[in-house]
């Protein structure tokens, strides 16, 4: 069975992410405390503390980054299957909150890094893995939204059609997250340090 076109969901999620990235930059440019707040929340998270505890082992760092990003993408995709009946209509609200928060956070932290270290360093620290990572997030959210709307149209048919969405997630999103984590773990710091 072929997936229905998800291009509208991809466009919608991409637009949401783009707007919130820009909003994060605008908010941070107006008040650096906003960006510092996002940075502090990120650095005080449990996963970041564990990551720093095992920073000497780069392979553990890769697994932490991969696992955290895969979990985020699963949070955008799996609720479409878990929500029953008409509660699937709540998925767009959840996706908007998760994607919006990530856009605000990334936009404001990149702005803060650009102010403190320069735009070139900020972009070098984010773009190599960020393009793939954010693309995976957009695709996971779009798959979840497309399935949820399909399920709302016809519950019986929607239940039978989950498999192609799960297959697409495993075949596309998971490898994208893995490649982004590999780049972030093994290459990004080399790129940034070569520029300093």
C-alpha atoms as a PDB file:
ATOM      1  CA  UNK A   1       0.000   0.000   0.000  1.00  0.00           C
ATOM      2  CA  UNK A   2       1.329   3.418  -0.924  1.00  0.00           C
ATOM      3  CA  UNK A   3       1.320   6.323   1.474  1.00  0.00           C
ATOM      4  CA  UNK A   4      -1.009   9.179   0.655  1.00  0.00           C
ATOM      5  CA  UNK A   5       0.793  12.383  -0.254  1.00  0.00           C
ATOM      6  CA  UNK A   6       2.291  13.885   2.866  1.00  0.00           C
ATOM      7  CA  UNK A   7       3.593  16.973   1.096  1.00  0.00           C
ATOM      8  CA  UNK A   8       0.957  19.209   2.707  1.00  0.00           C
ATOM      9  CA  UNK A   9       1.903  18.024   6.182  1.00  0.00           C
ATOM     10  CA  UNK A  10       5.613  18.436   5.354  1.00  0.00           C
ATOM     11  CA  UNK A  11       4.926  21.965   4.110  1.00  0.00           C
ATOM     12  CA  UNK A  12       2.865  22.824   7.189  1.00  0.00           C
ATOM     13  CA  UNK A  13       5.425  21.468   9.674  1.00  0.00           C
ATOM     14  CA  UNK A  14       8.290  23.119   7.748  1.00  0.00           C
ATOM     15  CA  UNK A  15       6.467  26.434   7.851  1.00  0.00           C
ATOM     16  CA  UNK A  16       5.844  26.060  11.587  1.00  0.00           C
ATOM     17  CA  UNK A  17       9.508  25.221  12.221  1.00  0.00           C
ATOM     18  CA  UNK A  18      10.736  28.106  10.054  1.00  0.00           C
ATOM     19  CA  UNK A  19       8.474  30.623  11.788  1.00  0.00           C
ATOM     20  CA  UNK A  20       9.463  29.446  15.259  1.00  0.00           C
ATOM     21  CA  UNK A  21      13.181  29.421  14.351  1.00  0.00           C
ATOM     22  CA  UNK A  22      12.875  33.046  13.233  1.00  0.00           C
ATOM     23  CA  UNK A  23      10.796  33.891  16.289  1.00  0.00           C
ATOM     24  CA  UNK A  24      13.505  32.370  18.483  1.00  0.00           C
ATOM     25  CA  UNK A  25      16.100  34.595  16.807  1.00  0.00           C
ATOM     26  CA  UNK A  26      13.877  37.668  17.187  1.00  0.00           C
ATOM     27  CA  UNK A  27      13.141  36.944  20.849  1.00  0.00           C
ATOM     28  CA  UNK A  28      16.814  36.354  21.598  1.00  0.00           C
ATOM     29  CA  UNK A  29      17.870  39.496  19.741  1.00  0.00           C
ATOM     30  CA  UNK A  30      15.398  41.470  21.830  1.00  0.00           C
ATOM     31  CA  UNK A  31      16.485  39.896  25.123  1.00  0.00           C
ATOM     32  CA  UNK A  32      19.499  37.569  25.440  1.00  0.00           C
ATOM     33  CA  UNK A  33      18.030  36.270  28.702  1.00  0.00           C
ATOM     34  CA  UNK A  34      15.511  34.316  26.593  1.00  0.00           C
ATOM     35  CA  UNK A  35      18.305  32.488  24.773  1.00  0.00           C
ATOM     36  CA  UNK A  36      20.233  31.958  28.003  1.00  0.00           C
ATOM     37  CA  UNK A  37      17.082  30.492  29.548  1.00  0.00           C
ATOM     38  CA  UNK A  38      16.710  27.990  26.703  1.00  0.00           C
ATOM     39  CA  UNK A  39      20.414  27.157  26.912  1.00  0.00           C
ATOM     40  CA  UNK A  40      20.246  26.679  30.682  1.00  0.00           C
ATOM     41  CA  UNK A  41      17.162  24.439  30.424  1.00  0.00           C
ATOM     42  CA  UNK A  42      18.918  22.373  27.793  1.00  0.00           C
ATOM     43  CA  UNK A  43      22.192  22.073  29.695  1.00  0.00           C
ATOM     44  CA  UNK A  44      20.454  21.207  32.964  1.00  0.00           C
ATOM     45  CA  UNK A  45      18.418  18.372  31.448  1.00  0.00           C
ATOM     46  CA  UNK A  46      19.087  14.854  32.654  1.00  0.00           C
ATOM     47  CA  UNK A  47      20.270  13.655  29.242  1.00  0.00           C
ATOM     48  CA  UNK A  48      22.768  16.513  28.964  1.00  0.00           C
ATOM     49  CA  UNK A  49      24.129  15.798  32.451  1.00  0.00           C
ATOM     50  CA  UNK A  50      24.555  12.117  31.566  1.00  0.00           C
ATOM     51  CA  UNK A  51      26.171  13.144  28.271  1.00  0.00           C
ATOM     52  CA  UNK A  52      28.745  15.278  30.097  1.00  0.00           C
ATOM     53  CA  UNK A  53      29.416  12.499  32.612  1.00  0.00           C
ATOM     54  CA  UNK A  54      30.423  10.181  29.768  1.00  0.00           C
ATOM     55  CA  UNK A  55      32.007  12.836  27.538  1.00  0.00           C
ATOM     56  CA  UNK A  56      35.291  10.943  27.600  1.00  0.00           C
ATOM     57  CA  UNK A  57      33.658   8.100  25.672  1.00  0.00           C
ATOM     58  CA  UNK A  58      32.615   9.460  22.303  1.00  0.00           C
ATOM     59  CA  UNK A  59      30.625   6.322  21.476  1.00  0.00           C
ATOM     60  CA  UNK A  60      28.406   6.855  24.520  1.00  0.00           C
ATOM     61  CA  UNK A  61      27.975  10.440  23.341  1.00  0.00           C
ATOM     62  CA  UNK A  62      26.779   9.151  19.959  1.00  0.00           C
ATOM     63  CA  UNK A  63      24.311   6.758  21.590  1.00  0.00           C
ATOM     64  CA  UNK A  64      22.930   9.513  23.850  1.00  0.00           C
ATOM     65  CA  UNK A  65      22.474  11.952  20.953  1.00  0.00           C
ATOM     66  CA  UNK A  66      20.962   9.278  18.692  1.00  0.00           C
ATOM     67  CA  UNK A  67      18.671   7.967  21.426  1.00  0.00           C
ATOM     68  CA  UNK A  68      17.466  11.412  22.473  1.00  0.00           C
ATOM     69  CA  UNK A  69      16.730  12.537  18.929  1.00  0.00           C
ATOM     70  CA  UNK A  70      15.051   9.250  18.013  1.00  0.00           C
ATOM     71  CA  UNK A  71      12.864   9.543  21.109  1.00  0.00           C
ATOM     72  CA  UNK A  72      11.864  13.075  20.089  1.00  0.00           C
ATOM     73  CA  UNK A  73      10.904  11.853  16.616  1.00  0.00           C
ATOM     74  CA  UNK A  74       8.956   8.925  18.076  1.00  0.00           C
ATOM     75  CA  UNK A  75       7.074  11.436  20.231  1.00  0.00           C
ATOM     76  CA  UNK A  76       6.015  13.213  17.045  1.00  0.00           C
ATOM     77  CA  UNK A  77       4.998  10.061  15.191  1.00  0.00           C
ATOM     78  CA  UNK A  78       3.679   7.414  17.604  1.00  0.00           C
ATOM     79  CA  UNK A  79       0.865   9.403  19.267  1.00  0.00           C
ATOM     80  CA  UNK A  80      -0.966   9.230  15.936  1.00  0.00           C
ATOM     81  CA  UNK A  81      -1.277   5.475  16.470  1.00  0.00           C
ATOM     82  CA  UNK A  82      -1.838   5.606  20.215  1.00  0.00           C
ATOM     83  CA  UNK A  83      -4.638   8.152  20.159  1.00  0.00           C
ATOM     84  CA  UNK A  84      -7.989   6.457  19.803  1.00  0.00           C
ATOM     85  CA  UNK A  85     -11.037   7.623  17.898  1.00  0.00           C
ATOM     86  CA  UNK A  86     -11.661  11.348  17.791  1.00  0.00           C
ATOM     87  CA  UNK A  87      -8.881  12.195  20.250  1.00  0.00           C
ATOM     88  CA  UNK A  88      -6.511  11.955  17.269  1.00  0.00           C
ATOM     89  CA  UNK A  89      -7.594  15.520  16.533  1.00  0.00           C
ATOM     90  CA  UNK A  90      -5.351  16.563  19.463  1.00  0.00           C
ATOM     91  CA  UNK A  91      -2.194  15.499  17.595  1.00  0.00           C
ATOM     92  CA  UNK A  92      -1.780  18.785  15.671  1.00  0.00           C
ATOM     93  CA  UNK A  93      -1.770  20.667  18.983  1.00  0.00           C
ATOM     94  CA  UNK A  94       0.910  18.354  20.372  1.00  0.00           C
ATOM     95  CA  UNK A  95       3.006  18.550  17.183  1.00  0.00           C
ATOM     96  CA  UNK A  96       2.721  22.339  17.174  1.00  0.00           C
ATOM     97  CA  UNK A  97       3.924  22.486  20.779  1.00  0.00           C
ATOM     98  CA  UNK A  98       6.895  20.132  20.280  1.00  0.00           C
ATOM     99  CA  UNK A  99       8.044  21.510  16.917  1.00  0.00           C
ATOM    100  CA  UNK A 100       7.399  25.088  18.043  1.00  0.00           C
ATOM    101  CA  UNK A 101       9.398  24.694  21.242  1.00  0.00           C
ATOM    102  CA  UNK A 102      12.308  23.116  19.365  1.00  0.00           C
ATOM    103  CA  UNK A 103      12.240  25.912  16.777  1.00  0.00           C
ATOM    104  CA  UNK A 104      12.265  28.601  19.469  1.00  0.00           C
ATOM    105  CA  UNK A 105      15.065  26.848  21.343  1.00  0.00           C
ATOM    106  CA  UNK A 106      17.301  26.276  18.308  1.00  0.00           C
ATOM    107  CA  UNK A 107      16.726  29.773  16.914  1.00  0.00           C
ATOM    108  CA  UNK A 108      17.508  31.505  20.191  1.00  0.00           C
ATOM    109  CA  UNK A 109      20.543  29.353  21.036  1.00  0.00           C
ATOM    110  CA  UNK A 110      22.011  29.823  17.542  1.00  0.00           C
ATOM    111  CA  UNK A 111      21.530  33.572  17.930  1.00  0.00           C
ATOM    112  CA  UNK A 112      23.228  33.495  21.342  1.00  0.00           C
ATOM    113  CA  UNK A 113      26.148  31.501  19.920  1.00  0.00           C
ATOM    114  CA  UNK A 114      26.406  33.934  16.982  1.00  0.00           C
ATOM    115  CA  UNK A 115      26.585  36.886  19.377  1.00  0.00           C
ATOM    116  CA  UNK A 116      29.175  35.205  21.607  1.00  0.00           C
ATOM    117  CA  UNK A 117      31.331  33.423  19.009  1.00  0.00           C
ATOM    118  CA  UNK A 118      30.356  34.785  15.606  1.00  0.00           C
ATOM    119  CA  UNK A 119      27.848  33.770  12.974  1.00  0.00           C
ATOM    120  CA  UNK A 120      30.255  31.512  11.076  1.00  0.00           C
ATOM    121  CA  UNK A 121      31.033  29.430  14.169  1.00  0.00           C
ATOM    122  CA  UNK A 122      27.352  29.291  15.152  1.00  0.00           C
ATOM    123  CA  UNK A 123      26.341  28.024  11.723  1.00  0.00           C
ATOM    124  CA  UNK A 124      29.253  25.574  11.574  1.00  0.00           C
ATOM    125  CA  UNK A 125      28.163  24.156  14.933  1.00  0.00           C
ATOM    126  CA  UNK A 126      24.561  23.631  13.833  1.00  0.00           C
ATOM    127  CA  UNK A 127      24.186  23.264  10.056  1.00  0.00           C
ATOM    128  CA  UNK A 128      26.149  20.054   9.344  1.00  0.00           C
ATOM    129  CA  UNK A 129      23.925  17.892  11.529  1.00  0.00           C
ATOM    130  CA  UNK A 130      21.030  20.297  12.062  1.00  0.00           C
ATOM    131  CA  UNK A 131      19.739  20.195   8.502  1.00  0.00           C
ATOM    132  CA  UNK A 132      19.390  16.410   8.646  1.00  0.00           C
ATOM    133  CA  UNK A 133      18.108  16.377  12.223  1.00  0.00           C
ATOM    134  CA  UNK A 134      15.433  19.013  11.610  1.00  0.00           C
ATOM    135  CA  UNK A 135      14.444  17.333   8.335  1.00  0.00           C
ATOM    136  CA  UNK A 136      13.921  14.072  10.237  1.00  0.00           C
ATOM    137  CA  UNK A 137      11.766  15.918  12.774  1.00  0.00           C
ATOM    138  CA  UNK A 138       9.677  17.455   9.988  1.00  0.00           C
ATOM    139  CA  UNK A 139       9.219  14.064   8.317  1.00  0.00           C
ATOM    140  CA  UNK A 140       8.297  12.287  11.580  1.00  0.00           C
ATOM    141  CA  UNK A 141       5.721  14.955  12.418  1.00  0.00           C
ATOM    142  CA  UNK A 142       4.322  14.889   8.869  1.00  0.00           C
ATOM    143  CA  UNK A 143       3.988  11.095   8.915  1.00  0.00           C
ATOM    144  CA  UNK A 144       2.182  11.263  12.253  1.00  0.00           C
ATOM    145  CA  UNK A 145      -0.160  14.029  11.127  1.00  0.00           C
ATOM    146  CA  UNK A 146      -0.950  12.367   7.809  1.00  0.00           C
ATOM    147  CA  UNK A 147      -1.766   9.083   9.527  1.00  0.00           C
ATOM    148  CA  UNK A 148      -3.888  10.824  12.182  1.00  0.00           C
ATOM    149  CA  UNK A 149      -5.957  12.623   9.560  1.00  0.00           C
ATOM    150  CA  UNK A 150      -6.316   9.391   7.573  1.00  0.00           C
ATOM    151  CA  UNK A 151      -7.476   7.641  10.746  1.00  0.00           C
ATOM    152  CA  UNK A 152     -10.004  10.401  11.442  1.00  0.00           C
ATOM    153  CA  UNK A 153     -11.472   9.959   7.958  1.00  0.00           C
ATOM    154  CA  UNK A 154     -12.069   6.230   8.392  1.00  0.00           C
ATOM    155  CA  UNK A 155     -11.108   4.535  11.662  1.00  0.00           C
ATOM    156  CA  UNK A 156     -11.212   0.960  10.347  1.00  0.00           C
ATOM    157  CA  UNK A 157      -9.184   1.734   7.266  1.00  0.00           C
ATOM    158  CA  UNK A 158      -6.816   3.924   9.306  1.00  0.00           C
ATOM    159  CA  UNK A 159      -6.053   1.080  11.712  1.00  0.00           C
ATOM    160  CA  UNK A 160      -5.124  -1.225   8.835  1.00  0.00           C
ATOM    161  CA  UNK A 161      -2.932   1.400   7.180  1.00  0.00           C
ATOM    162  CA  UNK A 162      -0.513   2.092  10.011  1.00  0.00           C
ATOM    163  CA  UNK A 163       2.151  -0.301   8.711  1.00  0.00           C
ATOM    164  CA  UNK A 164       3.269   1.791   5.694  1.00  0.00           C
ATOM    165  CA  UNK A 165       3.696   4.825   7.955  1.00  0.00           C
ATOM    166  CA  UNK A 166       5.743   2.812  10.441  1.00  0.00           C
ATOM    167  CA  UNK A 167       7.822   1.387   7.584  1.00  0.00           C
ATOM    168  CA  UNK A 168       8.451   4.902   6.228  1.00  0.00           C
ATOM    169  CA  UNK A 169       9.475   6.067   9.706  1.00  0.00           C
ATOM    170  CA  UNK A 170      11.923   3.182  10.097  1.00  0.00           C
ATOM    171  CA  UNK A 171      13.297   3.469   6.551  1.00  0.00           C
ATOM    172  CA  UNK A 172      13.659   7.268   6.436  1.00  0.00           C
ATOM    173  CA  UNK A 173      13.530   8.958   9.830  1.00  0.00           C
ATOM    174  CA  UNK A 174      15.646   6.503  11.821  1.00  0.00           C
ATOM    175  CA  UNK A 175      18.606   6.545   9.364  1.00  0.00           C
ATOM    176  CA  UNK A 176      18.394  10.347   9.133  1.00  0.00           C
ATOM    177  CA  UNK A 177      18.597  10.603  12.924  1.00  0.00           C
ATOM    178  CA  UNK A 178      21.544   8.182  12.948  1.00  0.00           C
ATOM    179  CA  UNK A 179      23.445  10.143  10.276  1.00  0.00           C
ATOM    180  CA  UNK A 180      22.777  13.436  12.081  1.00  0.00           C
ATOM    181  CA  UNK A 181      24.010  11.934  15.365  1.00  0.00           C
ATOM    182  CA  UNK A 182      27.156  10.597  13.654  1.00  0.00           C
ATOM    183  CA  UNK A 183      27.897  14.021  12.179  1.00  0.00           C
ATOM    184  CA  UNK A 184      27.151  15.810  15.462  1.00  0.00           C
ATOM    185  CA  UNK A 185      29.296  13.404  17.478  1.00  0.00           C
ATOM    186  CA  UNK A 186      32.269  12.801  15.237  1.00  0.00           C
ATOM    187  CA  UNK A 187      32.494  15.774  12.841  1.00  0.00           C
ATOM    188  CA  UNK A 188      30.876  18.933  14.176  1.00  0.00           C
ATOM    189  CA  UNK A 189      33.479  19.594  16.863  1.00  0.00           C
ATOM    190  CA  UNK A 190      36.264  19.044  14.324  1.00  0.00           C
ATOM    191  CA  UNK A 191      34.686  21.569  11.973  1.00  0.00           C
ATOM    192  CA  UNK A 192      34.198  24.142  14.729  1.00  0.00           C
ATOM    193  CA  UNK A 193      37.688  23.693  16.196  1.00  0.00           C
ATOM    194  CA  UNK A 194      39.277  24.003  12.765  1.00  0.00           C
ATOM    195  CA  UNK A 195      37.673  27.430  12.463  1.00  0.00           C
ATOM    196  CA  UNK A 196      38.820  28.764  15.836  1.00  0.00           C
END
